[in-house]
Every structure is written in structure tokens, then in C-alpha cells.
Amino acid sequence: MLVLLPPSEGKASSGRGAPLKPESLSLPGLAEARAAVLDELVELCVADEEKAREVLGLSEGLRGEVAKNVELRTAGARPAGEIYTGVLYDALGLATLDEAARKRAGTRCWCSRDCGAR
């Protein structure tokens, strides 16, 4: 069984490493499209916070996500399993898995390369 892990609305702070390189993610054929979406998202969030909230469907409580999006080109990257927060990712607890469980997750979770299961 393959488990597809969706992104979540909530995100933890960025990492201390190098910024995201779209070509380093799974499905590298999508790198150009991912870079274009990233550029558009950052541009939207830089230009007008209220419009960005409206376009992205963010509630007032998620206003801070717009500011995080402004920094996406330079923010340190971390695996999705360390960035995304919320019920699914908290319950999955990728960081708490032992080596064997992490390997199993790496073969059964689609985000395995990107979410930190490996």
C-alpha cells in the first residue's frame, strides 16, 4: 500500500540549511514547474498581504503564513515531515521512528524522499 501524505496548513519555522532546490525533490521533472509556482507565490505574498490571504484562502489566524511565504527563496529547507504541523504529521511522528520504521515509511509514503522518512 502506498500512503500519500498531503501538505498541511500549518508549518513550523524553516530550517538552518540551504534553501530549497526544486530539482532535489522527488519527481525532478517537476522542478521547473515547482520553481515557477514558488516564484509566483513569493511575488504574490510580497506585493499585497491581504490579496495573498484572499487568494490562498488563509484565515486571519494564518496571517503569519504569508510572511513565511515571502522568505521561501532564502529560508533554510527541512524535510516536509519536519516542516508540516497538524494532526496527521503530529500523529505520524516521523522524527520518533526507529531506523526500521523509518525505512518502512520510506517505501510506503509517497513523500518519503521529501518528508524525512528515509
PDB file of N, CA and C in Angstrom:
ATOM      1  N   MET A   1       0.842  -1.170   0.000  1.00  0.00           N
ATOM      2  CA  MET A   1       0.000   0.000   0.000  1.00  0.00           C
ATOM      3  C   MET A   1       0.885   1.229   0.000  1.00  0.00           C
ATOM      4  N   LEU A   2       0.531   2.197  -0.840  1.00  0.00           N
ATOM      5  CA  LEU A   2       1.238   3.468  -0.900  1.00  0.00           C
ATOM      6  C   LEU A   2       0.392   4.507  -0.185  1.00  0.00           C
ATOM      7  N   VAL A   3       0.985   5.220   0.755  1.00  0.00           N
ATOM      8  CA  VAL A   3       0.282   6.250   1.514  1.00  0.00           C
ATOM      9  C   VAL A   3       0.722   7.610   0.980  1.00  0.00           C
ATOM     10  N   LEU A   4      -0.225   8.411   0.540  1.00  0.00           N
ATOM     11  CA  LEU A   4       0.072   9.755   0.054  1.00  0.00           C
ATOM     12  C   LEU A   4      -0.125  10.743   1.190  1.00  0.00           C
ATOM     13  N   LEU A   5       0.909  11.477   1.519  1.00  0.00           N
ATOM     14  CA  LEU A   5       0.831  12.437   2.617  1.00  0.00           C
ATOM     15  C   LEU A   5       0.666  13.845   2.057  1.00  0.00           C
ATOM     16  N   PRO A   6      -0.458  14.488   2.330  1.00  0.00           N
ATOM     17  CA  PRO A   6      -0.684  15.832   1.813  1.00  0.00           C
ATOM     18  C   PRO A   6       0.057  16.872   2.651  1.00  0.00           C
ATOM     19  N   PRO A   7       0.252  18.054   2.083  1.00  0.00           N
ATOM     20  CA  PRO A   7       0.798  19.137   2.904  1.00  0.00           C
ATOM     21  C   PRO A   7      -0.260  19.559   3.920  1.00  0.00           C
ATOM     22  N   SER A   8       0.134  20.316   4.903  1.00  0.00           N
ATOM     23  CA  SER A   8      -0.837  20.814   5.877  1.00  0.00           C
ATOM     24  C   SER A   8      -0.789  22.329   5.887  1.00  0.00           C
ATOM     25  N   GLU A   9      -1.824  22.940   6.438  1.00  0.00           N
ATOM     26  CA  GLU A   9      -1.860  24.400   6.506  1.00  0.00           C
ATOM     27  C   GLU A   9      -0.752  24.942   7.390  1.00  0.00           C
ATOM     28  N   GLY A  10      -0.551  24.316   8.530  1.00  0.00           N
ATOM     29  CA  GLY A  10       0.435  24.811   9.478  1.00  0.00           C
ATOM     30  C   GLY A  10       1.840  24.367   9.127  1.00  0.00           C
ATOM     31  N   LYS A  11       2.785  25.280   9.354  1.00  0.00           N
ATOM     32  CA  LYS A  11       4.178  24.966   9.084  1.00  0.00           C
ATOM     33  C   LYS A  11       5.037  25.468  10.238  1.00  0.00           C
ATOM     34  N   ALA A  12       6.008  24.658  10.599  1.00  0.00           N
ATOM     35  CA  ALA A  12       6.976  25.076  11.611  1.00  0.00           C
ATOM     36  C   ALA A  12       7.946  26.066  10.972  1.00  0.00           C
ATOM     37  N   SER A  13       8.810  26.634  11.755  1.00  0.00           N
ATOM     38  CA  SER A  13       9.825  27.542  11.225  1.00  0.00           C
ATOM     39  C   SER A  13      10.748  26.793  10.281  1.00  0.00           C
ATOM     40  N   SER A  14      11.371  27.547   9.390  1.00  0.00           N
ATOM     41  CA  SER A  14      12.274  26.931   8.425  1.00  0.00           C
ATOM     42  C   SER A  14      13.518  26.379   9.118  1.00  0.00           C
ATOM     43  N   GLY A  15      14.281  25.641   8.359  1.00  0.00           N
ATOM     44  CA  GLY A  15      15.498  25.038   8.888  1.00  0.00           C
ATOM     45  C   GLY A  15      16.681  25.981   8.798  1.00  0.00           C
ATOM     46  N   ARG A  16      17.828  25.467   9.141  1.00  0.00           N
ATOM     47  CA  ARG A  16      19.046  26.272   9.097  1.00  0.00           C
ATOM     48  C   ARG A  16      19.903  25.931   7.892  1.00  0.00           C
ATOM     49  N   GLY A  17      19.465  24.979   7.104  1.00  0.00           N
ATOM     50  CA  GLY A  17      20.247  24.534   5.963  1.00  0.00           C
ATOM     51  C   GLY A  17      20.102  25.444   4.756  1.00  0.00           C
ATOM     52  N   ALA A  18      20.508  24.917   3.636  1.00  0.00           N
ATOM     53  CA  ALA A  18      20.425  25.650   2.377  1.00  0.00           C
ATOM     54  C   ALA A  18      18.963  25.782   1.954  1.00  0.00           C
ATOM     55  N   PRO A  19      18.651  26.812   1.167  1.00  0.00           N
ATOM     56  CA  PRO A  19      17.283  26.969   0.668  1.00  0.00           C
ATOM     57  C   PRO A  19      16.870  25.795  -0.224  1.00  0.00           C
ATOM     58  N   LEU A  20      15.582  25.643  -0.396  1.00  0.00           N
ATOM     59  CA  LEU A  20      15.028  24.586  -1.222  1.00  0.00           C
ATOM     60  C   LEU A  20      15.547  24.656  -2.648  1.00  0.00           C
ATOM     61  N   LYS A  21      15.906  23.502  -3.176  1.00  0.00           N
ATOM     62  CA  LYS A  21      16.277  23.367  -4.583  1.00  0.00           C
ATOM     63  C   LYS A  21      15.230  22.452  -5.200  1.00  0.00           C
ATOM     64  N   PRO A  22      14.289  22.998  -5.979  1.00  0.00           N
ATOM     65  CA  PRO A  22      13.217  22.177  -6.534  1.00  0.00           C
ATOM     66  C   PRO A  22      13.705  20.927  -7.264  1.00  0.00           C
ATOM     67  N   GLU A  23      14.854  20.992  -7.881  1.00  0.00           N
ATOM     68  CA  GLU A  23      15.380  19.833  -8.622  1.00  0.00           C
ATOM     69  C   GLU A  23      15.847  18.702  -7.703  1.00  0.00           C
ATOM     70  N   SER A  24      15.960  18.979  -6.412  1.00  0.00           N
ATOM     71  CA  SER A  24      16.409  17.947  -5.478  1.00  0.00           C
ATOM     72  C   SER A  24      15.250  17.115  -4.928  1.00  0.00           C
ATOM     73  N   LEU A  25      14.023  17.508  -5.210  1.00  0.00           N
ATOM     74  CA  LEU A  25      12.851  16.797  -4.701  1.00  0.00           C
ATOM     75  C   LEU A  25      12.542  15.574  -5.554  1.00  0.00           C
ATOM     76  N   SER A  26      11.668  14.712  -5.051  1.00  0.00           N
ATOM     77  CA  SER A  26      11.221  13.580  -5.852  1.00  0.00           C
ATOM     78  C   SER A  26      10.535  14.119  -7.105  1.00  0.00           C
ATOM     79  N   LEU A  27      10.466  13.303  -8.130  1.00  0.00           N
ATOM     80  CA  LEU A  27       9.908  13.703  -9.426  1.00  0.00           C
ATOM     81  C   LEU A  27      10.612  14.958  -9.960  1.00  0.00           C
ATOM     82  N   PRO A  28      11.911  14.867 -10.236  1.00  0.00           N
ATOM     83  CA  PRO A  28      12.686  16.036 -10.667  1.00  0.00           C
ATOM     84  C   PRO A  28      12.178  16.671 -11.960  1.00  0.00           C
ATOM     85  N   GLY A  29      11.381  15.938 -12.731  1.00  0.00           N
ATOM     86  CA  GLY A  29      10.801  16.514 -13.934  1.00  0.00           C
ATOM     87  C   GLY A  29       9.853  17.667 -13.637  1.00  0.00           C
ATOM     88  N   LEU A  30       9.436  17.785 -12.396  1.00  0.00           N
ATOM     89  CA  LEU A  30       8.547  18.874 -11.990  1.00  0.00           C
ATOM     90  C   LEU A  30       9.307  20.094 -11.480  1.00  0.00           C
ATOM     91  N   ALA A  31      10.637  20.051 -11.496  1.00  0.00           N
ATOM     92  CA  ALA A  31      11.449  21.127 -10.909  1.00  0.00           C
ATOM     93  C   ALA A  31      11.136  22.488 -11.515  1.00  0.00           C
ATOM     94  N   GLU A  32      11.019  22.562 -12.826  1.00  0.00           N
ATOM     95  CA  GLU A  32      10.759  23.850 -13.471  1.00  0.00           C
ATOM     96  C   GLU A  32       9.391  24.398 -13.064  1.00  0.00           C
ATOM     97  N   ALA A  33       8.385  23.541 -13.058  1.00  0.00           N
ATOM     98  CA  ALA A  33       7.038  23.969 -12.650  1.00  0.00           C
ATOM     99  C   ALA A  33       7.030  24.378 -11.181  1.00  0.00           C
ATOM    100  N   ARG A  34       7.731  23.617 -10.336  1.00  0.00           N
ATOM    101  CA  ARG A  34       7.789  23.961  -8.910  1.00  0.00           C
ATOM    102  C   ARG A  34       8.453  25.315  -8.707  1.00  0.00           C
ATOM    103  N   ALA A  35       9.539  25.574  -9.448  1.00  0.00           N
ATOM    104  CA  ALA A  35      10.234  26.857  -9.333  1.00  0.00           C
ATOM    105  C   ALA A  35       9.317  27.997  -9.778  1.00  0.00           C
ATOM    106  N   ALA A  36       8.535  27.782 -10.825  1.00  0.00           N
ATOM    107  CA  ALA A  36       7.611  28.816 -11.300  1.00  0.00           C
ATOM    108  C   ALA A  36       6.530  29.095 -10.257  1.00  0.00           C
ATOM    109  N   VAL A  37       5.985  28.051  -9.658  1.00  0.00           N
ATOM    110  CA  VAL A  37       4.963  28.233  -8.619  1.00  0.00           C
ATOM    111  C   VAL A  37       5.568  28.958  -7.421  1.00  0.00           C
ATOM    112  N   LEU A  38       6.772  28.577  -7.031  1.00  0.00           N
ATOM    113  CA  LEU A  38       7.456  29.235  -5.917  1.00  0.00           C
ATOM    114  C   LEU A  38       7.632  30.722  -6.199  1.00  0.00           C
ATOM    115  N   ASP A  39       8.096  31.048  -7.410  1.00  0.00           N
ATOM    116  CA  ASP A  39       8.282  32.457  -7.776  1.00  0.00           C
ATOM    117  C   ASP A  39       6.968  33.229  -7.701  1.00  0.00           C
ATOM    118  N   GLU A  40       5.889  32.649  -8.229  1.00  0.00           N
ATOM    119  CA  GLU A  40       4.585  33.318  -8.218  1.00  0.00           C
ATOM    120  C   GLU A  40       4.070  33.499  -6.783  1.00  0.00           C
ATOM    121  N   LEU A  41       4.249  32.471  -5.961  1.00  0.00           N
ATOM    122  CA  LEU A  41       3.797  32.548  -4.573  1.00  0.00           C
ATOM    123  C   LEU A  41       4.528  33.650  -3.825  1.00  0.00           C
ATOM    124  N   VAL A  42       5.838  33.700  -3.953  1.00  0.00           N
ATOM    125  CA  VAL A  42       6.622  34.728  -3.268  1.00  0.00           C
ATOM    126  C   VAL A  42       6.217  36.106  -3.771  1.00  0.00           C
ATOM    127  N   GLU A  43       6.077  36.247  -5.082  1.00  0.00           N
ATOM    128  CA  GLU A  43       5.689  37.542  -5.658  1.00  0.00           C
ATOM    129  C   GLU A  43       4.323  37.992  -5.126  1.00  0.00           C
ATOM    130  N   LEU A  44       3.361  37.090  -5.081  1.00  0.00           N
ATOM    131  CA  LEU A  44       2.032  37.399  -4.554  1.00  0.00           C
ATOM    132  C   LEU A  44       2.124  37.882  -3.110  1.00  0.00           C
ATOM    133  N   CYS A  45       2.878  37.171  -2.291  1.00  0.00           N
ATOM    134  CA  CYS A  45       2.954  37.486  -0.864  1.00  0.00           C
ATOM    135  C   CYS A  45       3.740  38.763  -0.595  1.00  0.00           C
ATOM    136  N   VAL A  46       4.707  39.072  -1.430  1.00  0.00           N
ATOM    137  CA  VAL A  46       5.478  40.308  -1.274  1.00  0.00           C
ATOM    138  C   VAL A  46       4.620  41.508  -1.649  1.00  0.00           C
ATOM    139  N   ALA A  47       3.839  41.375  -2.710  1.00  0.00           N
ATOM    140  CA  ALA A  47       3.104  42.505  -3.279  1.00  0.00           C
ATOM    141  C   ALA A  47       1.963  42.997  -2.401  1.00  0.00           C
ATOM    142  N   ASP A  48       1.160  42.088  -1.831  1.00  0.00           N
ATOM    143  CA  ASP A  48      -0.051  42.518  -1.130  1.00  0.00           C
ATOM    144  C   ASP A  48      -0.507  41.408  -0.175  1.00  0.00           C
ATOM    145  N   GLU A  49      -0.264  41.614   1.110  1.00  0.00           N
ATOM    146  CA  GLU A  49      -0.575  40.584   2.108  1.00  0.00           C
ATOM    147  C   GLU A  49      -2.058  40.225   2.120  1.00  0.00           C
ATOM    148  N   GLU A  50      -2.938  41.232   2.048  1.00  0.00           N
ATOM    149  CA  GLU A  50      -4.378  40.958   2.086  1.00  0.00           C
ATOM    150  C   GLU A  50      -4.819  40.161   0.861  1.00  0.00           C
ATOM    151  N   LYS A  51      -4.335  40.545  -0.311  1.00  0.00           N
ATOM    152  CA  LYS A  51      -4.681  39.808  -1.530  1.00  0.00           C
ATOM    153  C   LYS A  51      -4.146  38.384  -1.440  1.00  0.00           C
ATOM    154  N   ALA A  52      -2.929  38.228  -0.931  1.00  0.00           N
ATOM    155  CA  ALA A  52      -2.334  36.899  -0.787  1.00  0.00           C
ATOM    156  C   ALA A  52      -3.191  36.028   0.129  1.00  0.00           C
ATOM    157  N   ARG A  53      -3.631  36.584   1.251  1.00  0.00           N
ATOM    158  CA  ARG A  53      -4.503  35.820   2.167  1.00  0.00           C
ATOM    159  C   ARG A  53      -5.782  35.394   1.473  1.00  0.00           C
ATOM    160  N   GLU A  54      -6.358  36.309   0.690  1.00  0.00           N
ATOM    161  CA  GLU A  54      -7.599  36.006  -0.014  1.00  0.00           C
ATOM    162  C   GLU A  54      -7.376  34.921  -1.070  1.00  0.00           C
ATOM    163  N   VAL A  55      -6.352  35.083  -1.892  1.00  0.00           N
ATOM    164  CA  VAL A  55      -6.066  34.121  -2.967  1.00  0.00           C
ATOM    165  C   VAL A  55      -5.745  32.747  -2.395  1.00  0.00           C
ATOM    166  N   LEU A  56      -5.012  32.713  -1.309  1.00  0.00           N
ATOM    167  CA  LEU A  56      -4.595  31.448  -0.703  1.00  0.00           C
ATOM    168  C   LEU A  56      -5.658  30.866   0.230  1.00  0.00           C
ATOM    169  N   GLY A  57      -6.714  31.612   0.485  1.00  0.00           N
ATOM    170  CA  GLY A  57      -7.783  31.126   1.356  1.00  0.00           C
ATOM    171  C   GLY A  57      -7.348  30.983   2.804  1.00  0.00           C
ATOM    172  N   LEU A  58      -6.496  31.891   3.253  1.00  0.00           N
ATOM    173  CA  LEU A  58      -5.976  31.824   4.621  1.00  0.00           C
ATOM    174  C   LEU A  58      -6.843  32.640   5.570  1.00  0.00           C
ATOM    175  N   SER A  59      -7.162  32.065   6.693  1.00  0.00           N
ATOM    176  CA  SER A  59      -7.920  32.775   7.715  1.00  0.00           C
ATOM    177  C   SER A  59      -7.025  33.813   8.391  1.00  0.00           C
ATOM    178  N   GLU A  60      -7.639  34.676   9.156  1.00  0.00           N
ATOM    179  CA  GLU A  60      -6.882  35.677   9.907  1.00  0.00           C
ATOM    180  C   GLU A  60      -5.834  35.007  10.797  1.00  0.00           C
ATOM    181  N   GLY A  61      -6.191  33.861  11.360  1.00  0.00           N
ATOM    182  CA  GLY A  61      -5.267  33.143  12.237  1.00  0.00           C
ATOM    183  C   GLY A  61      -4.022  32.622  11.535  1.00  0.00           C
ATOM    184  N   LEU A  62      -4.099  32.522  10.203  1.00  0.00           N
ATOM    185  CA  LEU A  62      -2.943  32.034   9.432  1.00  0.00           C
ATOM    186  C   LEU A  62      -2.217  33.166   8.699  1.00  0.00           C
ATOM    187  N   ARG A  63      -2.453  34.394   9.129  1.00  0.00           N
ATOM    188  CA  ARG A  63      -1.815  35.555   8.505  1.00  0.00           C
ATOM    189  C   ARG A  63      -0.285  35.412   8.457  1.00  0.00           C
ATOM    190  N   GLY A  64       0.284  34.843   9.482  1.00  0.00           N
ATOM    191  CA  GLY A  64       1.735  34.677   9.542  1.00  0.00           C
ATOM    192  C   GLY A  64       2.305  33.805   8.441  1.00  0.00           C
ATOM    193  N   GLU A  65       1.476  32.949   7.829  1.00  0.00           N
ATOM    194  CA  GLU A  65       1.946  32.099   6.736  1.00  0.00           C
ATOM    195  C   GLU A  65       2.331  32.927   5.517  1.00  0.00           C
ATOM    196  N   VAL A  66       1.680  34.067   5.330  1.00  0.00           N
ATOM    197  CA  VAL A  66       2.031  34.942   4.205  1.00  0.00           C
ATOM    198  C   VAL A  66       3.460  35.438   4.382  1.00  0.00           C
ATOM    199  N   ALA A  67       3.797  35.866   5.594  1.00  0.00           N
ATOM    200  CA  ALA A  67       5.154  36.342   5.866  1.00  0.00           C
ATOM    201  C   ALA A  67       6.177  35.226   5.661  1.00  0.00           C
ATOM    202  N   LYS A  68       5.835  33.994   6.052  1.00  0.00           N
ATOM    203  CA  LYS A  68       6.740  32.863   5.832  1.00  0.00           C
ATOM    204  C   LYS A  68       6.953  32.649   4.337  1.00  0.00           C
ATOM    205  N   ASN A  69       5.883  32.816   3.552  1.00  0.00           N
ATOM    206  CA  ASN A  69       5.998  32.615   2.106  1.00  0.00           C
ATOM    207  C   ASN A  69       6.918  33.636   1.457  1.00  0.00           C
ATOM    208  N   VAL A  70       6.968  34.844   1.998  1.00  0.00           N
ATOM    209  CA  VAL A  70       7.847  35.889   1.464  1.00  0.00           C
ATOM    210  C   VAL A  70       9.303  35.432   1.506  1.00  0.00           C
ATOM    211  N   GLU A  71       9.647  34.652   2.513  1.00  0.00           N
ATOM    212  CA  GLU A  71      11.034  34.225   2.735  1.00  0.00           C
ATOM    213  C   GLU A  71      11.380  32.877   2.106  1.00  0.00           C
ATOM    214  N   LEU A  72      10.475  32.287   1.351  1.00  0.00           N
ATOM    215  CA  LEU A  72      10.691  30.920   0.863  1.00  0.00           C
ATOM    216  C   LEU A  72      11.937  30.733   0.007  1.00  0.00           C
ATOM    217  N   ARG A  73      12.334  31.719  -0.761  1.00  0.00           N
ATOM    218  CA  ARG A  73      13.514  31.557  -1.624  1.00  0.00           C
ATOM    219  C   ARG A  73      14.808  31.453  -0.819  1.00  0.00           C
ATOM    220  N   THR A  74      14.822  32.050   0.369  1.00  0.00           N
ATOM    221  CA  THR A  74      16.053  32.094   1.152  1.00  0.00           C
ATOM    222  C   THR A  74      15.992  31.283   2.444  1.00  0.00           C
ATOM    223  N   ALA A  75      14.791  30.861   2.834  1.00  0.00           N
ATOM    224  CA  ALA A  75      14.635  30.110   4.088  1.00  0.00           C
ATOM    225  C   ALA A  75      15.340  28.760   3.990  1.00  0.00           C
ATOM    226  N   GLY A  76      15.921  28.334   5.076  1.00  0.00           N
ATOM    227  CA  GLY A  76      16.550  27.024   5.114  1.00  0.00           C
ATOM    228  C   GLY A  76      15.509  25.926   4.949  1.00  0.00           C
ATOM    229  N   ALA A  77      15.825  24.949   4.165  1.00  0.00           N
ATOM    230  CA  ALA A  77      14.881  23.861   3.889  1.00  0.00           C
ATOM    231  C   ALA A  77      15.018  22.747   4.925  1.00  0.00           C
ATOM    232  N   ARG A  78      13.902  22.092   5.176  1.00  0.00           N
ATOM    233  CA  ARG A  78      13.854  20.895   6.020  1.00  0.00           C
ATOM    234  C   ARG A  78      12.903  19.924   5.353  1.00  0.00           C
ATOM    235  N   PRO A  79      12.994  18.644   5.655  1.00  0.00           N
ATOM    236  CA  PRO A  79      12.036  17.685   5.092  1.00  0.00           C
ATOM    237  C   PRO A  79      10.608  18.052   5.483  1.00  0.00           C
ATOM    238  N   ALA A  80       9.663  17.745   4.608  1.00  0.00           N
ATOM    239  CA  ALA A  80       8.261  18.088   4.846  1.00  0.00           C
ATOM    240  C   ALA A  80       7.770  17.556   6.189  1.00  0.00           C
ATOM    241  N   GLY A  81       8.211  16.366   6.583  1.00  0.00           N
ATOM    242  CA  GLY A  81       7.784  15.783   7.845  1.00  0.00           C
ATOM    243  C   GLY A  81       8.234  16.568   9.058  1.00  0.00           C
ATOM    244  N   GLU A  82       9.225  17.436   8.865  1.00  0.00           N
ATOM    245  CA  GLU A  82       9.684  18.301   9.948  1.00  0.00           C
ATOM    246  C   GLU A  82       9.055  19.688   9.873  1.00  0.00           C
ATOM    247  N   ILE A  83       8.614  20.077   8.690  1.00  0.00           N
ATOM    248  CA  ILE A  83       8.034  21.403   8.491  1.00  0.00           C
ATOM    249  C   ILE A  83       6.540  21.413   8.771  1.00  0.00           C
ATOM    250  N   TYR A  84       5.811  20.464   8.172  1.00  0.00           N
ATOM    251  CA  TYR A  84       4.354  20.473   8.318  1.00  0.00           C
ATOM    252  C   TYR A  84       3.950  20.102   9.730  1.00  0.00           C
ATOM    253  N   THR A  85       2.915  20.780  10.209  1.00  0.00           N
ATOM    254  CA  THR A  85       2.381  20.519  11.533  1.00  0.00           C
ATOM    255  C   THR A  85       0.901  20.174  11.390  1.00  0.00           C
ATOM    256  N   GLY A  86       0.313  19.729  12.427  1.00  0.00           N
ATOM    257  CA  GLY A  86      -1.097  19.386  12.388  1.00  0.00           C
ATOM    258  C   GLY A  86      -1.302  17.942  12.788  1.00  0.00           C
ATOM    259  N   VAL A  87      -2.559  17.548  12.838  1.00  0.00           N
ATOM    260  CA  VAL A  87      -2.946  16.241  13.354  1.00  0.00           C
ATOM    261  C   VAL A  87      -2.228  15.096  12.645  1.00  0.00           C
ATOM    262  N   LEU A  88      -2.228  15.084  11.309  1.00  0.00           N
ATOM    263  CA  LEU A  88      -1.624  13.983  10.567  1.00  0.00           C
ATOM    264  C   LEU A  88      -0.129  13.867  10.846  1.00  0.00           C
ATOM    265  N   TYR A  89       0.599  14.939  10.692  1.00  0.00           N
ATOM    266  CA  TYR A  89       2.050  14.887  10.863  1.00  0.00           C
ATOM    267  C   TYR A  89       2.451  14.681  12.319  1.00  0.00           C
ATOM    268  N   ASP A  90       1.686  15.277  13.242  1.00  0.00           N
ATOM    269  CA  ASP A  90       1.979  15.058  14.657  1.00  0.00           C
ATOM    270  C   ASP A  90       1.785  13.587  15.022  1.00  0.00           C
ATOM    271  N   ALA A  91       0.694  12.997  14.531  1.00  0.00           N
ATOM    272  CA  ALA A  91       0.405  11.595  14.843  1.00  0.00           C
ATOM    273  C   ALA A  91       1.398  10.655  14.163  1.00  0.00           C
ATOM    274  N   LEU A  92       1.843  10.999  12.962  1.00  0.00           N
ATOM    275  CA  LEU A  92       2.805  10.166  12.245  1.00  0.00           C
ATOM    276  C   LEU A  92       4.140  10.122  12.989  1.00  0.00           C
ATOM    277  N   GLY A  93       4.568  11.246  13.512  1.00  0.00           N
ATOM    278  CA  GLY A  93       5.779  11.304  14.332  1.00  0.00           C
ATOM    279  C   GLY A  93       7.025  10.755  13.650  1.00  0.00           C
ATOM    280  N   LEU A  94       7.290  11.188  12.418  1.00  0.00           N
ATOM    281  CA  LEU A  94       8.441  10.669  11.675  1.00  0.00           C
ATOM    282  C   LEU A  94       9.750  10.772  12.462  1.00  0.00           C
ATOM    283  N   ALA A  95       9.921  11.853  13.181  1.00  0.00           N
ATOM    284  CA  ALA A  95      11.170  12.056  13.922  1.00  0.00           C
ATOM    285  C   ALA A  95      11.351  11.039  15.040  1.00  0.00           C
ATOM    286  N   THR A  96      10.270  10.417  15.479  1.00  0.00           N
ATOM    287  CA  THR A  96      10.359   9.473  16.594  1.00  0.00           C
ATOM    288  C   THR A  96      10.517   8.020  16.139  1.00  0.00           C
ATOM    289  N   LEU A  97      10.444   7.779  14.835  1.00  0.00           N
ATOM    290  CA  LEU A  97      10.530   6.407  14.332  1.00  0.00           C
ATOM    291  C   LEU A  97      11.937   5.850  14.472  1.00  0.00           C
ATOM    292  N   ASP A  98      12.042   4.565  14.793  1.00  0.00           N
ATOM    293  CA  ASP A  98      13.363   3.941  14.803  1.00  0.00           C
ATOM    294  C   ASP A  98      13.783   3.687  13.356  1.00  0.00           C
ATOM    295  N   GLU A  99      15.005   3.246  13.160  1.00  0.00           N
ATOM    296  CA  GLU A  99      15.564   3.063  11.813  1.00  0.00           C
ATOM    297  C   GLU A  99      14.717   2.135  10.949  1.00  0.00           C
ATOM    298  N   ALA A 100      14.276   1.011  11.495  1.00  0.00           N
ATOM    299  CA  ALA A 100      13.475   0.054  10.719  1.00  0.00           C
ATOM    300  C   ALA A 100      12.139   0.666  10.292  1.00  0.00           C
ATOM    301  N   ALA A 101      11.490   1.372  11.201  1.00  0.00           N
ATOM    302  CA  ALA A 101      10.207   2.003  10.888  1.00  0.00           C
ATOM    303  C   ALA A 101      10.391   3.119   9.866  1.00  0.00           C
ATOM    304  N   ARG A 102      11.496   3.849   9.974  1.00  0.00           N
ATOM    305  CA  ARG A 102      11.785   4.920   9.013  1.00  0.00           C
ATOM    306  C   ARG A 102      11.978   4.343   7.613  1.00  0.00           C
ATOM    307  N   LYS A 103      12.650   3.185   7.532  1.00  0.00           N
ATOM    308  CA  LYS A 103      12.843   2.528   6.233  1.00  0.00           C
ATOM    309  C   LYS A 103      11.510   2.061   5.658  1.00  0.00           C
ATOM    310  N   ARG A 104      10.640   1.499   6.503  1.00  0.00           N
ATOM    311  CA  ARG A 104       9.310   1.088   6.035  1.00  0.00           C
ATOM    312  C   ARG A 104       8.531   2.287   5.526  1.00  0.00           C
ATOM    313  N   ALA A 105       8.566   3.379   6.267  1.00  0.00           N
ATOM    314  CA  ALA A 105       7.876   4.591   5.836  1.00  0.00           C
ATOM    315  C   ALA A 105       8.452   5.084   4.506  1.00  0.00           C
ATOM    316  N   GLY A 106       9.755   4.921   4.345  1.00  0.00           N
ATOM    317  CA  GLY A 106      10.413   5.356   3.116  1.00  0.00           C
ATOM    318  C   GLY A 106       9.960   4.606   1.879  1.00  0.00           C
ATOM    319  N   THR A 107       9.447   3.408   2.056  1.00  0.00           N
ATOM    320  CA  THR A 107       8.961   2.637   0.908  1.00  0.00           C
ATOM    321  C   THR A 107       7.449   2.707   0.757  1.00  0.00           C
ATOM    322  N   ARG A 108       6.765   3.222   1.769  1.00  0.00           N
ATOM    323  CA  ARG A 108       5.300   3.214   1.732  1.00  0.00           C
ATOM    324  C   ARG A 108       4.660   4.600   1.714  1.00  0.00           C
ATOM    325  N   CYS A 109       5.435   5.638   1.952  1.00  0.00           N
ATOM    326  CA  CYS A 109       4.896   7.001   1.945  1.00  0.00           C
ATOM    327  C   CYS A 109       5.416   7.728   0.710  1.00  0.00           C
ATOM    328  N   TRP A 110       4.515   8.285  -0.061  1.00  0.00           N
ATOM    329  CA  TRP A 110       4.939   8.948  -1.293  1.00  0.00           C
ATOM    330  C   TRP A 110       5.898  10.083  -1.019  1.00  0.00           C
ATOM    331  N   CYS A 111       5.706  10.787   0.063  1.00  0.00           N
ATOM    332  CA  CYS A 111       6.602  11.898   0.346  1.00  0.00           C
ATOM    333  C   CYS A 111       7.931  11.409   0.913  1.00  0.00           C
ATOM    334  N   SER A 112       8.189  10.108   0.897  1.00  0.00           N
ATOM    335  CA  SER A 112       9.313   9.533   1.616  1.00  0.00           C
ATOM    336  C   SER A 112      10.630  10.262   1.402  1.00  0.00           C
ATOM    337  N   ARG A 113      10.939  10.655   0.169  1.00  0.00           N
ATOM    338  CA  ARG A 113      12.204  11.328  -0.085  1.00  0.00           C
ATOM    339  C   ARG A 113      12.182  12.744   0.473  1.00  0.00           C
ATOM    340  N   ASP A 114      11.029  13.367   0.415  1.00  0.00           N
ATOM    341  CA  ASP A 114      10.908  14.764   0.790  1.00  0.00           C
ATOM    342  C   ASP A 114      10.482  14.983   2.243  1.00  0.00           C
ATOM    343  N   CYS A 115       9.823  13.980   2.840  1.00  0.00           N
ATOM    344  CA  CYS A 115       9.257  14.219   4.169  1.00  0.00           C
ATOM    345  C   CYS A 115      10.179  13.769   5.295  1.00  0.00           C
ATOM    346  N   GLY A 116      11.277  13.145   4.991  1.00  0.00           N
ATOM    347  CA  GLY A 116      12.209  12.751   6.038  1.00  0.00           C
ATOM    348  C   GLY A 116      12.030  11.354   6.532  1.00  0.00           C
ATOM    349  N   ALA A 117      11.231  10.547   5.841  1.00  0.00           N
ATOM    350  CA  ALA A 117      11.016   9.174   6.285  1.00  0.00           C
ATOM    351  C   ALA A 117      12.253   8.318   6.050  1.00  0.00           C
ATOM    352  N   ARG A 118      13.087   8.687   5.132  1.00  0.00           N
ATOM    353  CA  ARG A 118      14.298   7.891   4.843  1.00  0.00           C
ATOM    354  C   ARG A 118      15.471   8.344   5.644  1.00  0.00           C
TER     355      ARG A 118
END
